[in-house]
PDB file of N, CA and C in Angstrom:
ATOM      1  N   MET A   1     112.442 114.124 107.456  1.00  0.00           N
ATOM      2  CA  MET A   1     113.710 114.083 106.776  1.00  0.00           C
ATOM      3  C   MET A   1     114.221 112.651 106.622  1.00  0.00           C
ATOM      4  N   PHE A   2     114.122 111.855 107.685  1.00  0.00           N
ATOM      5  CA  PHE A   2     114.639 110.494 107.631  1.00  0.00           C
ATOM      6  C   PHE A   2     113.526 109.466 107.454  1.00  0.00           C
ATOM      7  N   SER A   3     112.382 109.909 106.938  1.00  0.00           N
ATOM      8  CA  SER A   3     111.258 108.978 106.808  1.00  0.00           C
ATOM      9  C   SER A   3     111.506 107.916 105.745  1.00  0.00           C
ATOM     10  N   GLU A   4     112.295 108.232 104.728  1.00  0.00           N
ATOM     11  CA  GLU A   4     112.573 107.259 103.685  1.00  0.00           C
ATOM     12  C   GLU A   4     114.080 107.099 103.505  1.00  0.00           C
ATOM     13  N   LEU A   5     114.592 106.051 104.060  1.00  0.00           N
ATOM     14  CA  LEU A   5     116.022 105.765 103.951  1.00  0.00           C
ATOM     15  C   LEU A   5     116.197 104.560 103.025  1.00  0.00           C
ATOM     16  N   ASP A   6     115.940 104.800 101.751  1.00  0.00           N
ATOM     17  CA  ASP A   6     115.999 103.720 100.769  1.00  0.00           C
ATOM     18  C   ASP A   6     117.391 103.131 100.632  1.00  0.00           C
ATOM     19  N   ILE A   7     118.408 103.892 100.939  1.00  0.00           N
ATOM     20  CA  ILE A   7     119.770 103.391 100.791  1.00  0.00           C
ATOM     21  C   ILE A   7     120.007 102.188 101.702  1.00  0.00           C
ATOM     22  N   PHE A   8     119.408 102.188 102.890  1.00  0.00           N
ATOM     23  CA  PHE A   8     119.564 101.059 103.800  1.00  0.00           C
ATOM     24  C   PHE A   8     118.812  99.833 103.285  1.00  0.00           C
ATOM     25  N   ARG A   9     117.624 100.055 102.725  1.00  0.00           N
ATOM     26  CA  ARG A   9     116.869  98.939 102.149  1.00  0.00           C
ATOM     27  C   ARG A   9     117.609  98.356 100.947  1.00  0.00           C
ATOM     28  N   THR A  10     118.194  99.230 100.137  1.00  0.00           N
ATOM     29  CA  THR A  10     118.939  98.765  98.970  1.00  0.00           C
ATOM     30  C   THR A  10     120.183  97.984  99.390  1.00  0.00           C
ATOM     31  N   ALA A  11     120.914  98.495 100.370  1.00  0.00           N
ATOM     32  CA  ALA A  11     122.109  97.786 100.854  1.00  0.00           C
ATOM     33  C   ALA A  11     121.729  96.432 101.443  1.00  0.00           C
ATOM     34  N   HIS A  12     120.622  96.386 102.166  1.00  0.00           N
ATOM     35  CA  HIS A  12     120.145  95.114 102.728  1.00  0.00           C
ATOM     36  C   HIS A  12     119.778  94.144 101.606  1.00  0.00           C
ATOM     37  N   ALA A  13     119.084  94.640 100.592  1.00  0.00           N
ATOM     38  CA  ALA A  13     118.709  93.791  99.461  1.00  0.00           C
ATOM     39  C   ALA A  13     119.940  93.282  98.718  1.00  0.00           C
ATOM     40  N   MET A  14     120.948  94.138  98.570  1.00  0.00           N
ATOM     41  CA  MET A  14     122.187  93.718  97.905  1.00  0.00           C
ATOM     42  C   MET A  14     122.890  92.617  98.700  1.00  0.00           C
ATOM     43  N   ALA A  15     122.964  92.779 100.010  1.00  0.00           N
ATOM     44  CA  ALA A  15     123.615  91.774 100.852  1.00  0.00           C
ATOM     45  C   ALA A  15     122.830  90.463 100.849  1.00  0.00           C
ATOM     46  N   SER A  16     121.507  90.545 100.898  1.00  0.00           N
ATOM     47  CA  SER A  16     120.673  89.342 100.856  1.00  0.00           C
ATOM     48  C   SER A  16     120.823  88.620  99.522  1.00  0.00           C
ATOM     49  N   HIS A  17     120.877  89.395  98.452  1.00  0.00           N
ATOM     50  CA  HIS A  17     121.050  88.810  97.128  1.00  0.00           C
ATOM     51  C   HIS A  17     122.395  88.095  97.026  1.00  0.00           C
ATOM     52  N   ALA A  18     123.436  88.703  97.558  1.00  0.00           N
ATOM     53  CA  ALA A  18     124.757  88.064  97.548  1.00  0.00           C
ATOM     54  C   ALA A  18     124.719  86.754  98.338  1.00  0.00           C
ATOM     55  N   GLY A  19     123.973  86.729  99.418  1.00  0.00           N
ATOM     56  CA  GLY A  19     123.822  85.503 100.200  1.00  0.00           C
ATOM     57  C   GLY A  19     123.125  84.406  99.412  1.00  0.00           C
ATOM     58  N   ARG A  20     122.083  84.775  98.670  1.00  0.00           N
ATOM     59  CA  ARG A  20     121.386  83.790  97.831  1.00  0.00           C
ATOM     60  C   ARG A  20     122.294  83.276  96.719  1.00  0.00           C
ATOM     61  N   GLN A  21     123.095  84.178  96.149  1.00  0.00           N
ATOM     62  CA  GLN A  21     124.036  83.748  95.112  1.00  0.00           C
ATOM     63  C   GLN A  21     125.069  82.789  95.695  1.00  0.00           C
ATOM     64  N   GLN A  22     125.584  83.112  96.867  1.00  0.00           N
ATOM     65  CA  GLN A  22     126.590  82.254  97.506  1.00  0.00           C
ATOM     66  C   GLN A  22     126.000  80.883  97.810  1.00  0.00           C
ATOM     67  N   GLU A  23     124.744  80.847  98.217  1.00  0.00           N
ATOM     68  CA  GLU A  23     124.072  79.574  98.486  1.00  0.00           C
ATOM     69  C   GLU A  23     123.976  78.731  97.215  1.00  0.00           C
ATOM     70  N   ALA A  24     123.610  79.353  96.098  1.00  0.00           N
ATOM     71  CA  ALA A  24     123.515  78.629  94.830  1.00  0.00           C
ATOM     72  C   ALA A  24     124.881  78.108  94.396  1.00  0.00           C
ATOM     73  N   ILE A  25     125.909  78.921  94.564  1.00  0.00           N
ATOM     74  CA  ILE A  25     127.270  78.502  94.194  1.00  0.00           C
ATOM     75  C   ILE A  25     127.716  77.329  95.061  1.00  0.00           C
ATOM     76  N   ALA A  26     127.452  77.406  96.362  1.00  0.00           N
ATOM     77  CA  ALA A  26     127.831  76.318  97.265  1.00  0.00           C
ATOM     78  C   ALA A  26     127.105  75.029  96.895  1.00  0.00           C
ATOM     79  N   ARG A  27     125.832  75.148  96.539  1.00  0.00           N
ATOM     80  CA  ARG A  27     125.065  73.976  96.123  1.00  0.00           C
ATOM     81  C   ARG A  27     125.646  73.386  94.835  1.00  0.00           C
ATOM     82  N   ASN A  28     126.026  74.255  93.892  1.00  0.00           N
ATOM     83  CA  ASN A  28     126.615  73.784  92.641  1.00  0.00           C
ATOM     84  C   ASN A  28     127.922  73.031  92.899  1.00  0.00           C
ATOM     85  N   ILE A  29     128.770  73.599  93.758  1.00  0.00           N
ATOM     86  CA  ILE A  29     130.044  72.943  94.061  1.00  0.00           C
ATOM     87  C   ILE A  29     129.813  71.618  94.789  1.00  0.00           C
ATOM     88  N   ALA A  30     128.878  71.605  95.728  1.00  0.00           N
ATOM     89  CA  ALA A  30     128.600  70.379  96.479  1.00  0.00           C
ATOM     90  C   ALA A  30     128.083  69.269  95.575  1.00  0.00           C
ATOM     91  N   ASN A  31     127.385  69.641  94.522  1.00  0.00           N
ATOM     92  CA  ASN A  31     126.814  68.643  93.614  1.00  0.00           C
ATOM     93  C   ASN A  31     127.612  68.474  92.335  1.00  0.00           C
ATOM     94  N   SER A  32     128.854  68.901  92.326  1.00  0.00           N
ATOM     95  CA  SER A  32     129.654  68.832  91.107  1.00  0.00           C
ATOM     96  C   SER A  32     129.885  67.400  90.639  1.00  0.00           C
ATOM     97  N   ASP A  33     129.806  66.444  91.530  1.00  0.00           N
ATOM     98  CA  ASP A  33     129.985  65.038  91.160  1.00  0.00           C
ATOM     99  C   ASP A  33     128.667  64.274  91.074  1.00  0.00           C
ATOM    100  N   THR A  34     127.548  64.962  91.228  1.00  0.00           N
ATOM    101  CA  THR A  34     126.250  64.304  91.171  1.00  0.00           C
ATOM    102  C   THR A  34     125.843  64.115  89.712  1.00  0.00           C
ATOM    103  N   PRO A  35     125.629  62.891  89.287  1.00  0.00           N
ATOM    104  CA  PRO A  35     125.250  62.654  87.892  1.00  0.00           C
ATOM    105  C   PRO A  35     123.929  63.347  87.542  1.00  0.00           C
ATOM    106  N   GLY A  36     123.909  64.030  86.414  1.00  0.00           N
ATOM    107  CA  GLY A  36     122.699  64.674  85.924  1.00  0.00           C
ATOM    108  C   GLY A  36     122.363  66.006  86.573  1.00  0.00           C
ATOM    109  N   TYR A  37     123.151  66.453  87.541  1.00  0.00           N
ATOM    110  CA  TYR A  37     122.866  67.731  88.204  1.00  0.00           C
ATOM    111  C   TYR A  37     123.107  68.877  87.233  1.00  0.00           C
ATOM    112  N   ARG A  38     122.264  69.879  87.275  1.00  0.00           N
ATOM    113  CA  ARG A  38     122.403  71.072  86.442  1.00  0.00           C
ATOM    114  C   ARG A  38     122.674  72.271  87.344  1.00  0.00           C
ATOM    115  N   THR A  39     123.555  73.150  86.886  1.00  0.00           N
ATOM    116  CA  THR A  39     123.906  74.314  87.695  1.00  0.00           C
ATOM    117  C   THR A  39     122.688  75.193  87.927  1.00  0.00           C
ATOM    118  N   ARG A  40     122.694  75.838  89.067  1.00  0.00           N
ATOM    119  CA  ARG A  40     121.634  76.783  89.416  1.00  0.00           C
ATOM    120  C   ARG A  40     122.260  78.151  89.548  1.00  0.00           C
ATOM    121  N   GLU A  41     121.590  79.136  89.013  1.00  0.00           N
ATOM    122  CA  GLU A  41     122.092  80.503  89.091  1.00  0.00           C
ATOM    123  C   GLU A  41     120.978  81.434  89.544  1.00  0.00           C
ATOM    124  N   VAL A  42     121.362  82.440  90.301  1.00  0.00           N
ATOM    125  CA  VAL A  42     120.442  83.485  90.736  1.00  0.00           C
ATOM    126  C   VAL A  42     120.600  84.648  89.760  1.00  0.00           C
ATOM    127  N   PRO A  43     119.494  85.215  89.274  1.00  0.00           N
ATOM    128  CA  PRO A  43     119.614  86.373  88.370  1.00  0.00           C
ATOM    129  C   PRO A  43     120.405  87.493  89.045  1.00  0.00           C
ATOM    130  N   SER A  44     121.036  88.331  88.236  1.00  0.00           N
ATOM    131  CA  SER A  44     121.830  89.426  88.798  1.00  0.00           C
ATOM    132  C   SER A  44     120.935  90.397  89.567  1.00  0.00           C
ATOM    133  N   PHE A  45     121.558  91.136  90.466  1.00  0.00           N
ATOM    134  CA  PHE A  45     120.809  92.092  91.291  1.00  0.00           C
ATOM    135  C   PHE A  45     120.119  93.139  90.426  1.00  0.00           C
ATOM    136  N   SER A  46     120.795  93.602  89.386  1.00  0.00           N
ATOM    137  CA  SER A  46     120.191  94.623  88.524  1.00  0.00           C
ATOM    138  C   SER A  46     118.987  94.074  87.784  1.00  0.00           C
ATOM    139  N   GLU A  47     119.008  92.800  87.386  1.00  0.00           N
ATOM    140  CA  GLU A  47     117.846  92.197  86.726  1.00  0.00           C
ATOM    141  C   GLU A  47     116.671  92.129  87.680  1.00  0.00           C
ATOM    142  N   ILE A  48     116.949  91.760  88.922  1.00  0.00           N
ATOM    143  CA  ILE A  48     115.882  91.681  89.914  1.00  0.00           C
ATOM    144  C   ILE A  48     115.361  93.077  90.248  1.00  0.00           C
ATOM    145  N   LEU A  49     116.281  94.030  90.400  1.00  0.00           N
ATOM    146  CA  LEU A  49     115.904  95.396  90.753  1.00  0.00           C
ATOM    147  C   LEU A  49     115.094  96.055  89.643  1.00  0.00           C
ATOM    148  N   ASP A  50     115.558  95.887  88.402  1.00  0.00           N
ATOM    149  CA  ASP A  50     114.859  96.500  87.274  1.00  0.00           C
ATOM    150  C   ASP A  50     113.551  95.804  86.961  1.00  0.00           C
ATOM    151  N   GLY A  51     113.500  94.517  87.212  1.00  0.00           N
ATOM    152  CA  GLY A  51     112.288  93.774  86.904  1.00  0.00           C
ATOM    153  C   GLY A  51     112.054  93.754  85.409  1.00  0.00           C
ATOM    154  N   ASP A  52     110.836  93.955  85.035  1.00  0.00           N
ATOM    155  CA  ASP A  52     110.463  93.927  83.629  1.00  0.00           C
ATOM    156  C   ASP A  52     110.333  95.362  83.149  1.00  0.00           C
ATOM    157  N   SER A  53     111.442  95.988  82.841  1.00  0.00           N
ATOM    158  CA  SER A  53     111.436  97.403  82.480  1.00  0.00           C
ATOM    159  C   SER A  53     110.989  97.661  81.058  1.00  0.00           C
ATOM    160  N   GLY A  54     110.942  96.608  80.222  1.00  0.00           N
ATOM    161  CA  GLY A  54     110.550  96.789  78.836  1.00  0.00           C
ATOM    162  C   GLY A  54     111.718  97.124  77.933  1.00  0.00           C
ATOM    163  N   PHE A  55     112.880  97.381  78.497  1.00  0.00           N
ATOM    164  CA  PHE A  55     114.073  97.670  77.706  1.00  0.00           C
ATOM    165  C   PHE A  55     114.977  96.447  77.748  1.00  0.00           C
ATOM    166  N   ALA A  56     115.089  95.792  76.617  1.00  0.00           N
ATOM    167  CA  ALA A  56     115.930  94.611  76.552  1.00  0.00           C
ATOM    168  C   ALA A  56     117.233  94.953  75.849  1.00  0.00           C
ATOM    169  N   MET A  57     118.276  94.259  76.234  1.00  0.00           N
ATOM    170  CA  MET A  57     119.546  94.464  75.561  1.00  0.00           C
ATOM    171  C   MET A  57     119.476  93.807  74.191  1.00  0.00           C
ATOM    172  N   ARG A  58     120.221  94.341  73.270  1.00  0.00           N
ATOM    173  CA  ARG A  58     120.168  93.896  71.896  1.00  0.00           C
ATOM    174  C   ARG A  58     121.510  93.314  71.495  1.00  0.00           C
ATOM    175  N   ARG A  59     121.487  92.143  70.873  1.00  0.00           N
ATOM    176  CA  ARG A  59     122.718  91.518  70.382  1.00  0.00           C
ATOM    177  C   ARG A  59     123.089  92.155  69.057  1.00  0.00           C
ATOM    178  N   THR A  60     124.332  92.556  68.929  1.00  0.00           N
ATOM    179  CA  THR A  60     124.794  93.177  67.694  1.00  0.00           C
ATOM    180  C   THR A  60     125.651  92.242  66.857  1.00  0.00           C
ATOM    181  N   ARG A  61     126.104  91.152  67.458  1.00  0.00           N
ATOM    182  CA  ARG A  61     126.902  90.163  66.728  1.00  0.00           C
ATOM    183  C   ARG A  61     126.847  88.852  67.505  1.00  0.00           C
ATOM    184  N   PRO A  62     127.131  87.734  66.851  1.00  0.00           N
ATOM    185  CA  PRO A  62     127.105  86.442  67.553  1.00  0.00           C
ATOM    186  C   PRO A  62     128.095  86.434  68.725  1.00  0.00           C
ATOM    187  N   GLY A  63     127.681  85.841  69.812  1.00  0.00           N
ATOM    188  CA  GLY A  63     128.535  85.766  70.993  1.00  0.00           C
ATOM    189  C   GLY A  63     128.502  87.002  71.856  1.00  0.00           C
ATOM    190  N   HIS A  64     127.823  88.074  71.400  1.00  0.00           N
ATOM    191  CA  HIS A  64     127.710  89.309  72.166  1.00  0.00           C
ATOM    192  C   HIS A  64     126.582  89.138  73.183  1.00  0.00           C
ATOM    193  N   ILE A  65     126.794  89.512  74.422  1.00  0.00           N
ATOM    194  CA  ILE A  65     125.872  89.447  75.559  1.00  0.00           C
ATOM    195  C   ILE A  65     125.691  88.010  76.044  1.00  0.00           C
ATOM    196  N   ALA A  66     125.231  87.119  75.204  1.00  0.00           N
ATOM    197  CA  ALA A  66     125.018  85.734  75.625  1.00  0.00           C
ATOM    198  C   ALA A  66     125.814  84.821  74.701  1.00  0.00           C
ATOM    199  N   PRO A  67     126.241  83.688  75.219  1.00  0.00           N
ATOM    200  CA  PRO A  67     126.998  82.793  74.348  1.00  0.00           C
ATOM    201  C   PRO A  67     126.122  82.233  73.236  1.00  0.00           C
ATOM    202  N   ASP A  68     126.759  81.918  72.156  1.00  0.00           N
ATOM    203  CA  ASP A  68     126.072  81.322  71.020  1.00  0.00           C
ATOM    204  C   ASP A  68     125.613  79.921  71.413  1.00  0.00           C
ATOM    205  N   PRO A  69     124.328  79.580  71.209  1.00  0.00           N
ATOM    206  CA  PRO A  69     123.852  78.258  71.618  1.00  0.00           C
ATOM    207  C   PRO A  69     124.560  77.113  70.894  1.00  0.00           C
ATOM    208  N   ALA A  70     125.156  77.396  69.750  1.00  0.00           N
ATOM    209  CA  ALA A  70     125.860  76.357  69.009  1.00  0.00           C
ATOM    210  C   ALA A  70     127.218  76.034  69.623  1.00  0.00           C
ATOM    211  N   GLU A  71     127.742  76.928  70.478  1.00  0.00           N
ATOM    212  CA  GLU A  71     129.032  76.696  71.106  1.00  0.00           C
ATOM    213  C   GLU A  71     128.910  75.603  72.162  1.00  0.00           C
ATOM    214  N   PRO A  72     129.942  74.777  72.309  1.00  0.00           N
ATOM    215  CA  PRO A  72     129.877  73.721  73.331  1.00  0.00           C
ATOM    216  C   PRO A  72     129.872  74.323  74.732  1.00  0.00           C
ATOM    217  N   VAL A  73     129.150  73.688  75.628  1.00  0.00           N
ATOM    218  CA  VAL A  73     129.072  74.137  77.011  1.00  0.00           C
ATOM    219  C   VAL A  73     130.214  73.511  77.784  1.00  0.00           C
ATOM    220  N   THR A  74     130.919  74.328  78.580  1.00  0.00           N
ATOM    221  CA  THR A  74     132.041  73.785  79.347  1.00  0.00           C
ATOM    222  C   THR A  74     131.518  72.836  80.414  1.00  0.00           C
ATOM    223  N   GLY A  75     132.243  71.790  80.639  1.00  0.00           N
ATOM    224  CA  GLY A  75     131.871  70.838  81.685  1.00  0.00           C
ATOM    225  C   GLY A  75     131.140  69.622  81.152  1.00  0.00           C
ATOM    226  N   ILE A  76     130.474  69.738  80.003  1.00  0.00           N
ATOM    227  CA  ILE A  76     129.784  68.579  79.439  1.00  0.00           C
ATOM    228  C   ILE A  76     130.851  67.594  78.995  1.00  0.00           C
ATOM    229  N   GLY A  77     130.585  66.347  79.170  1.00  0.00           N
ATOM    230  CA  GLY A  77     131.563  65.354  78.793  1.00  0.00           C
ATOM    231  C   GLY A  77     132.329  64.831  80.000  1.00  0.00           C
ATOM    232  N   ARG A  78     132.088  65.417  81.148  1.00  0.00           N
ATOM    233  CA  ARG A  78     132.694  64.876  82.354  1.00  0.00           C
ATOM    234  C   ARG A  78     132.018  63.551  82.650  1.00  0.00           C
ATOM    235  N   ALA A  79     132.617  62.750  83.452  1.00  0.00           N
ATOM    236  CA  ALA A  79     132.076  61.429  83.768  1.00  0.00           C
ATOM    237  C   ALA A  79     130.677  61.510  84.367  1.00  0.00           C
ATOM    238  N   THR A  80     130.395  62.577  85.109  1.00  0.00           N
ATOM    239  CA  THR A  80     129.080  62.709  85.747  1.00  0.00           C
ATOM    240  C   THR A  80     128.027  63.231  84.785  1.00  0.00           C
ATOM    241  N   GLY A  81     128.439  63.849  83.689  1.00  0.00           N
ATOM    242  CA  GLY A  81     127.485  64.364  82.715  1.00  0.00           C
ATOM    243  C   GLY A  81     126.831  65.670  83.129  1.00  0.00           C
ATOM    244  N   ASN A  82     127.338  66.322  84.163  1.00  0.00           N
ATOM    245  CA  ASN A  82     126.762  67.616  84.543  1.00  0.00           C
ATOM    246  C   ASN A  82     127.720  68.742  84.165  1.00  0.00           C
ATOM    247  N   PRO A  83     127.189  69.950  83.948  1.00  0.00           N
ATOM    248  CA  PRO A  83     128.020  71.057  83.461  1.00  0.00           C
ATOM    249  C   PRO A  83     128.713  71.881  84.536  1.00  0.00           C
ATOM    250  N   VAL A  84     128.739  71.419  85.785  1.00  0.00           N
ATOM    251  CA  VAL A  84     129.326  72.206  86.868  1.00  0.00           C
ATOM    252  C   VAL A  84     130.844  72.251  86.706  1.00  0.00           C
ATOM    253  N   SER A  85     131.391  73.454  86.681  1.00  0.00           N
ATOM    254  CA  SER A  85     132.824  73.653  86.636  1.00  0.00           C
ATOM    255  C   SER A  85     133.241  74.302  87.955  1.00  0.00           C
ATOM    256  N   ILE A  86     134.042  73.593  88.722  1.00  0.00           N
ATOM    257  CA  ILE A  86     134.482  74.096  90.025  1.00  0.00           C
ATOM    258  C   ILE A  86     135.197  75.440  89.861  1.00  0.00           C
ATOM    259  N   GLU A  87     136.023  75.556  88.823  1.00  0.00           N
ATOM    260  CA  GLU A  87     136.782  76.788  88.604  1.00  0.00           C
ATOM    261  C   GLU A  87     135.849  77.966  88.353  1.00  0.00           C
ATOM    262  N   GLU A  88     134.830  77.762  87.511  1.00  0.00           N
ATOM    263  CA  GLU A  88     133.877  78.847  87.231  1.00  0.00           C
ATOM    264  C   GLU A  88     133.091  79.219  88.477  1.00  0.00           C
ATOM    265  N   GLU A  89     132.709  78.232  89.263  1.00  0.00           N
ATOM    266  CA  GLU A  89     131.959  78.504  90.488  1.00  0.00           C
ATOM    267  C   GLU A  89     132.823  79.273  91.486  1.00  0.00           C
ATOM    268  N   MET A  90     134.109  78.958  91.540  1.00  0.00           N
ATOM    269  CA  MET A  90     135.004  79.689  92.445  1.00  0.00           C
ATOM    270  C   MET A  90     135.162  81.135  91.994  1.00  0.00           C
ATOM    271  N   LEU A  91     135.232  81.363  90.690  1.00  0.00           N
ATOM    272  CA  LEU A  91     135.291  82.740  90.183  1.00  0.00           C
ATOM    273  C   LEU A  91     134.013  83.500  90.525  1.00  0.00           C
ATOM    274  N   LYS A  92     132.874  82.831  90.373  1.00  0.00           N
ATOM    275  CA  LYS A  92     131.605  83.468  90.737  1.00  0.00           C
ATOM    276  C   LYS A  92     131.581  83.800  92.222  1.00  0.00           C
ATOM    277  N   ALA A  93     132.090  82.886  93.050  1.00  0.00           N
ATOM    278  CA  ALA A  93     132.103  83.114  94.498  1.00  0.00           C
ATOM    279  C   ALA A  93     132.938  84.331  94.856  1.00  0.00           C
ATOM    280  N   THR A  94     134.039  84.533  94.139  1.00  0.00           N
ATOM    281  CA  THR A  94     134.863  85.715  94.379  1.00  0.00           C
ATOM    282  C   THR A  94     134.093  86.987  94.048  1.00  0.00           C
ATOM    283  N   GLY A  95     133.374  86.975  92.940  1.00  0.00           N
ATOM    284  CA  GLY A  95     132.560  88.129  92.562  1.00  0.00           C
ATOM    285  C   GLY A  95     131.446  88.398  93.558  1.00  0.00           C
ATOM    286  N   VAL A  96     130.835  87.325  94.064  1.00  0.00           N
ATOM    287  CA  VAL A  96     129.769  87.475  95.052  1.00  0.00           C
ATOM    288  C   VAL A  96     130.311  88.052  96.351  1.00  0.00           C
ATOM    289  N   ALA A  97     131.490  87.607  96.765  1.00  0.00           N
ATOM    290  CA  ALA A  97     132.106  88.163  97.977  1.00  0.00           C
ATOM    291  C   ALA A  97     132.362  89.653  97.805  1.00  0.00           C
ATOM    292  N   ARG A  98     132.801  90.050  96.622  1.00  0.00           N
ATOM    293  CA  ARG A  98     133.031  91.469  96.330  1.00  0.00           C
ATOM    294  C   ARG A  98     131.707  92.250  96.374  1.00  0.00           C
ATOM    295  N   ASP A  99     130.635  91.657  95.829  1.00  0.00           N
ATOM    296  CA  ASP A  99     129.321  92.307  95.872  1.00  0.00           C
ATOM    297  C   ASP A  99     128.828  92.473  97.304  1.00  0.00           C
ATOM    298  N   HIS A 100     129.063  91.453  98.130  1.00  0.00           N
ATOM    299  CA  HIS A 100     128.639  91.528  99.525  1.00  0.00           C
ATOM    300  C   HIS A 100     129.410  92.609 100.271  1.00  0.00           C
ATOM    301  N   GLU A 101     130.712  92.677 100.036  1.00  0.00           N
ATOM    302  CA  GLU A 101     131.529  93.724 100.661  1.00  0.00           C
ATOM    303  C   GLU A 101     131.072  95.114 100.213  1.00  0.00           C
ATOM    304  N   ARG A 102     130.688  95.244  98.942  1.00  0.00           N
ATOM    305  CA  ARG A 102     130.191  96.519  98.434  1.00  0.00           C
ATOM    306  C   ARG A 102     128.908  96.919  99.166  1.00  0.00           C
ATOM    307  N   ALA A 103     128.010  95.958  99.365  1.00  0.00           N
ATOM    308  CA  ALA A 103     126.762  96.244 100.076  1.00  0.00           C
ATOM    309  C   ALA A 103     127.048  96.696 101.507  1.00  0.00           C
ATOM    310  N   LEU A 104     127.991  96.019 102.169  1.00  0.00           N
ATOM    311  CA  LEU A 104     128.344  96.415 103.532  1.00  0.00           C
ATOM    312  C   LEU A 104     129.011  97.788 103.567  1.00  0.00           C
ATOM    313  N   ALA A 105     129.830  98.090 102.577  1.00  0.00           N
ATOM    314  CA  ALA A 105     130.478  99.408 102.513  1.00  0.00           C
ATOM    315  C   ALA A 105     129.434 100.510 102.332  1.00  0.00           C
ATOM    316  N   ILE A 106     128.443 100.265 101.488  1.00  0.00           N
ATOM    317  CA  ILE A 106     127.368 101.243 101.295  1.00  0.00           C
ATOM    318  C   ILE A 106     126.615 101.441 102.600  1.00  0.00           C
ATOM    319  N   TYR A 107     126.310 100.355 103.281  1.00  0.00           N
ATOM    320  CA  TYR A 107     125.593 100.439 104.550  1.00  0.00           C
ATOM    321  C   TYR A 107     126.397 101.221 105.582  1.00  0.00           C
ATOM    322  N   ARG A 108     127.686 100.871 105.728  1.00  0.00           N
ATOM    323  CA  ARG A 108     128.525 101.565 106.715  1.00  0.00           C
ATOM    324  C   ARG A 108     128.660 103.048 106.395  1.00  0.00           C
ATOM    325  N   SER A 109     128.864 103.366 105.137  1.00  0.00           N
ATOM    326  CA  SER A 109     129.014 104.761 104.734  1.00  0.00           C
ATOM    327  C   SER A 109     127.732 105.548 105.004  1.00  0.00           C
ATOM    328  N   SER A 110     126.605 104.955 104.658  1.00  0.00           N
ATOM    329  CA  SER A 110     125.323 105.625 104.883  1.00  0.00           C
ATOM    330  C   SER A 110     125.044 105.798 106.366  1.00  0.00           C
ATOM    331  N   LEU A 111     125.401 104.801 107.152  1.00  0.00           N
ATOM    332  CA  LEU A 111     125.223 104.896 108.599  1.00  0.00           C
ATOM    333  C   LEU A 111     126.100 106.000 109.174  1.00  0.00           C
ATOM    334  N   SER A 112     127.308 106.121 108.660  1.00  0.00           N
ATOM    335  CA  SER A 112     128.211 107.175 109.104  1.00  0.00           C
ATOM    336  C   SER A 112     127.649 108.557 108.775  1.00  0.00           C
ATOM    337  N   VAL A 113     127.100 108.707 107.574  1.00  0.00           N
ATOM    338  CA  VAL A 113     126.489 109.982 107.179  1.00  0.00           C
ATOM    339  C   VAL A 113     125.293 110.292 108.068  1.00  0.00           C
ATOM    340  N   LEU A 114     124.483 109.289 108.348  1.00  0.00           N
ATOM    341  CA  LEU A 114     123.314 109.480 109.207  1.00  0.00           C
ATOM    342  C   LEU A 114     123.734 109.875 110.624  1.00  0.00           C
ATOM    343  N   ARG A 115     124.735 109.208 111.155  1.00  0.00           N
ATOM    344  CA  ARG A 115     125.215 109.537 112.505  1.00  0.00           C
ATOM    345  C   ARG A 115     125.780 110.957 112.544  1.00  0.00           C
ATOM    346  N   SER A 116     126.515 111.333 111.520  1.00  0.00           N
ATOM    347  CA  SER A 116     127.083 112.687 111.466  1.00  0.00           C
ATOM    348  C   SER A 116     125.996 113.748 111.409  1.00  0.00           C
ATOM    349  N   SER A 117     124.946 113.452 110.651  1.00  0.00           N
ATOM    350  CA  SER A 117     123.864 114.429 110.544  1.00  0.00           C
ATOM    351  C   SER A 117     123.091 114.580 111.848  1.00  0.00           C
ATOM    352  N   LEU A 118     123.129 113.536 112.683  1.00  0.00           N
ATOM    353  CA  LEU A 118     122.473 113.605 113.988  1.00  0.00           C
ATOM    354  C   LEU A 118     123.388 114.166 115.073  1.00  0.00           C
ATOM    355  N   GLY A 119     124.652 114.403 114.702  1.00  0.00           N
ATOM    356  CA  GLY A 119     125.597 114.958 115.655  1.00  0.00           C
ATOM    357  C   GLY A 119     126.293 113.912 116.493  1.00  0.00           C
ATOM    358  N   ARG A 120     126.178 112.633 116.057  1.00  0.00           N
ATOM    359  CA  ARG A 120     126.853 111.541 116.784  1.00  0.00           C
ATOM    360  C   ARG A 120     127.936 110.968 115.902  1.00  0.00           C
ATOM    361  N   PHE A 121     129.004 110.587 116.541  1.00  0.00           N
ATOM    362  CA  PHE A 121     130.111 109.992 115.790  1.00  0.00           C
ATOM    363  C   PHE A 121     130.284 108.601 116.236  1.00  0.00           C
TER     364      PHE A 121
END
């Protein structure tokens, strides 16, 4: 019955992914004044989880899904010449913290269900 507890592996993977994202964000913020530094991003958890599913999203109009390459990139033109925006990185960090809390909530909830099924509280 309990031979495959994929929910725990998934919650662990979600928490680990959030940690990698937080590391990339911290590195971006730390190097915001480094000349020539380029932002680093970790692919979303769903992209990593799905892998190469063969189903790609389709753009239906300019600016949909991904920004138009002709649009100016925020942050360029700063004295350092790198595109790191502290404000954007802080917003990303907030989202990552929320993702990490979600992973922990899934883990705690699943652990509670498992304990209840074993007759332990």
